[in-house]
Amino acid sequence: MLRTSYSQILNSSRDFSTGICDANCRLVAQAEHIPIHVGALAFAAESVDNISKVR
């Protein structure tokens, strides 16, 4: 994200989070940037999983 982003918010303050979820949408690993964002990551992964099943 840092290398491809045009946003100064991402580049200068690193205002994003990354993580890896397993097949059951449980958080397995997370980066150290801003951990408060990661609290919603499992819910977001579950929503994406549900949407992909509908299509």
N, C-alpha and C. Protein backbone atom coordinates (compact mmCIF):
# COMPACT_ATOMS: atom_id res chain seq x y z
N MET A 1 0.81 -1.17 0.00
CA MET A 1 0.00 0.00 0.00
C MET A 1 0.86 1.25 0.00
N LEU A 2 1.92 1.22 0.75
CA LEU A 2 2.78 2.41 0.81
C LEU A 2 3.42 2.72 -0.54
N ARG A 3 3.79 1.70 -1.27
CA ARG A 3 4.49 1.92 -2.54
C ARG A 3 3.55 2.36 -3.66
N THR A 4 2.28 1.98 -3.59
CA THR A 4 1.36 2.29 -4.69
C THR A 4 0.37 3.40 -4.37
N SER A 5 0.32 3.85 -3.16
CA SER A 5 -0.69 4.84 -2.76
C SER A 5 -0.32 6.25 -3.20
N TYR A 6 -1.34 6.98 -3.65
CA TYR A 6 -1.17 8.40 -3.94
C TYR A 6 -1.63 9.26 -2.77
N SER A 7 -2.21 8.64 -1.76
CA SER A 7 -2.76 9.36 -0.61
C SER A 7 -1.67 9.74 0.37
N GLN A 8 -1.62 11.00 0.75
CA GLN A 8 -0.65 11.46 1.75
C GLN A 8 -0.97 10.89 3.13
N ILE A 9 -2.24 10.57 3.37
CA ILE A 9 -2.62 9.99 4.66
C ILE A 9 -1.92 8.64 4.84
N LEU A 10 -1.91 7.83 3.80
CA LEU A 10 -1.24 6.54 3.90
C LEU A 10 0.27 6.70 3.92
N ASN A 11 0.78 7.55 3.07
CA ASN A 11 2.24 7.69 2.95
C ASN A 11 2.89 8.34 4.16
N SER A 12 2.31 9.40 4.67
CA SER A 12 2.98 10.13 5.75
C SER A 12 2.65 9.61 7.14
N SER A 13 1.40 9.26 7.39
CA SER A 13 1.04 8.83 8.75
C SER A 13 0.84 7.33 8.87
N ARG A 14 0.88 6.62 7.75
CA ARG A 14 0.67 5.16 7.74
C ARG A 14 -0.63 4.80 8.45
N ASP A 15 -1.70 5.51 8.08
CA ASP A 15 -3.01 5.35 8.71
C ASP A 15 -3.78 4.21 8.06
N PHE A 16 -3.28 2.99 8.24
CA PHE A 16 -3.95 1.80 7.74
C PHE A 16 -3.45 0.60 8.55
N SER A 17 -4.18 -0.49 8.45
CA SER A 17 -3.77 -1.72 9.13
C SER A 17 -3.90 -2.88 8.17
N THR A 18 -3.12 -3.91 8.42
CA THR A 18 -3.20 -5.13 7.62
C THR A 18 -3.25 -6.33 8.54
N GLY A 19 -3.85 -7.38 8.06
CA GLY A 19 -3.93 -8.60 8.84
C GLY A 19 -4.22 -9.78 7.94
N ILE A 20 -4.08 -10.98 8.48
CA ILE A 20 -4.37 -12.21 7.76
C ILE A 20 -5.44 -12.96 8.54
N CYS A 21 -6.49 -13.37 7.82
CA CYS A 21 -7.57 -14.15 8.43
C CYS A 21 -7.55 -15.56 7.87
N ASP A 22 -8.01 -16.53 8.67
CA ASP A 22 -8.09 -17.90 8.20
C ASP A 22 -9.41 -18.12 7.45
N ALA A 23 -9.69 -19.36 7.07
CA ALA A 23 -10.89 -19.69 6.30
C ALA A 23 -12.18 -19.42 7.07
N ASN A 24 -12.09 -19.34 8.39
CA ASN A 24 -13.27 -19.06 9.23
C ASN A 24 -13.34 -17.58 9.62
N CYS A 25 -12.59 -16.73 8.93
CA CYS A 25 -12.58 -15.28 9.15
C CYS A 25 -12.06 -14.89 10.53
N ARG A 26 -11.23 -15.73 11.12
CA ARG A 26 -10.59 -15.38 12.40
C ARG A 26 -9.23 -14.76 12.11
N LEU A 27 -8.89 -13.74 12.86
CA LEU A 27 -7.62 -13.05 12.67
C LEU A 27 -6.47 -13.95 13.11
N VAL A 28 -5.53 -14.17 12.21
CA VAL A 28 -4.38 -15.04 12.49
C VAL A 28 -3.15 -14.20 12.82
N ALA A 29 -2.94 -13.13 12.06
CA ALA A 29 -1.76 -12.27 12.26
C ALA A 29 -2.12 -10.85 11.89
N GLN A 30 -1.41 -9.90 12.49
CA GLN A 30 -1.65 -8.50 12.17
C GLN A 30 -0.35 -7.74 12.16
N ALA A 31 -0.34 -6.65 11.40
CA ALA A 31 0.83 -5.77 11.36
C ALA A 31 0.81 -4.86 12.58
N GLU A 32 1.88 -4.13 12.78
CA GLU A 32 2.03 -3.32 13.98
C GLU A 32 1.59 -1.87 13.82
N HIS A 33 1.11 -1.47 12.65
CA HIS A 33 0.83 -0.05 12.41
C HIS A 33 -0.19 0.53 13.38
N ILE A 34 -1.46 0.31 13.18
CA ILE A 34 -2.50 0.89 14.03
C ILE A 34 -3.45 -0.24 14.44
N PRO A 35 -3.21 -0.89 15.56
CA PRO A 35 -3.97 -2.09 15.92
C PRO A 35 -5.45 -1.85 16.18
N ILE A 36 -5.87 -0.62 16.45
CA ILE A 36 -7.29 -0.39 16.70
C ILE A 36 -8.13 -0.67 15.46
N HIS A 37 -7.55 -0.48 14.27
CA HIS A 37 -8.27 -0.79 13.04
C HIS A 37 -8.55 -2.28 12.92
N VAL A 38 -7.69 -3.10 13.46
CA VAL A 38 -7.78 -4.54 13.28
C VAL A 38 -8.96 -5.14 14.05
N GLY A 39 -9.50 -4.41 15.02
CA GLY A 39 -10.65 -4.92 15.77
C GLY A 39 -11.84 -5.25 14.89
N ALA A 40 -11.99 -4.56 13.78
CA ALA A 40 -13.10 -4.79 12.87
C ALA A 40 -12.73 -5.69 11.70
N LEU A 41 -11.49 -6.12 11.62
CA LEU A 41 -11.03 -6.87 10.45
C LEU A 41 -11.77 -8.19 10.28
N ALA A 42 -11.99 -8.92 11.35
CA ALA A 42 -12.70 -10.20 11.23
C ALA A 42 -14.13 -10.00 10.74
N PHE A 43 -14.79 -8.93 11.20
CA PHE A 43 -16.15 -8.64 10.75
C PHE A 43 -16.15 -8.26 9.27
N ALA A 44 -15.17 -7.49 8.85
CA ALA A 44 -15.06 -7.11 7.44
C ALA A 44 -14.79 -8.33 6.57
N ALA A 45 -13.91 -9.21 7.02
CA ALA A 45 -13.60 -10.43 6.26
C ALA A 45 -14.84 -11.31 6.15
N GLU A 46 -15.61 -11.40 7.21
CA GLU A 46 -16.84 -12.20 7.18
C GLU A 46 -17.85 -11.60 6.20
N SER A 47 -17.97 -10.29 6.17
CA SER A 47 -18.88 -9.63 5.22
C SER A 47 -18.46 -9.88 3.78
N VAL A 48 -17.18 -9.77 3.51
CA VAL A 48 -16.68 -10.04 2.16
C VAL A 48 -16.92 -11.50 1.79
N ASP A 49 -16.72 -12.40 2.73
CA ASP A 49 -16.96 -13.82 2.50
C ASP A 49 -18.43 -14.06 2.17
N ASN A 50 -19.33 -13.44 2.92
CA ASN A 50 -20.77 -13.60 2.66
C ASN A 50 -21.16 -13.05 1.30
N ILE A 51 -20.62 -11.90 0.93
CA ILE A 51 -20.93 -11.31 -0.37
C ILE A 51 -20.43 -12.20 -1.50
N SER A 52 -19.25 -12.76 -1.34
CA SER A 52 -18.70 -13.60 -2.40
C SER A 52 -19.48 -14.90 -2.56
N LYS A 53 -20.12 -15.38 -1.51
CA LYS A 53 -20.94 -16.59 -1.60
C LYS A 53 -22.24 -16.31 -2.34
N VAL A 54 -22.77 -15.10 -2.22
CA VAL A 54 -24.02 -14.73 -2.89
C VAL A 54 -23.81 -14.65 -4.40
N ARG A 55 -22.66 -14.15 -4.81
CA ARG A 55 -22.39 -13.98 -6.25
C ARG A 55 -21.98 -15.28 -6.79
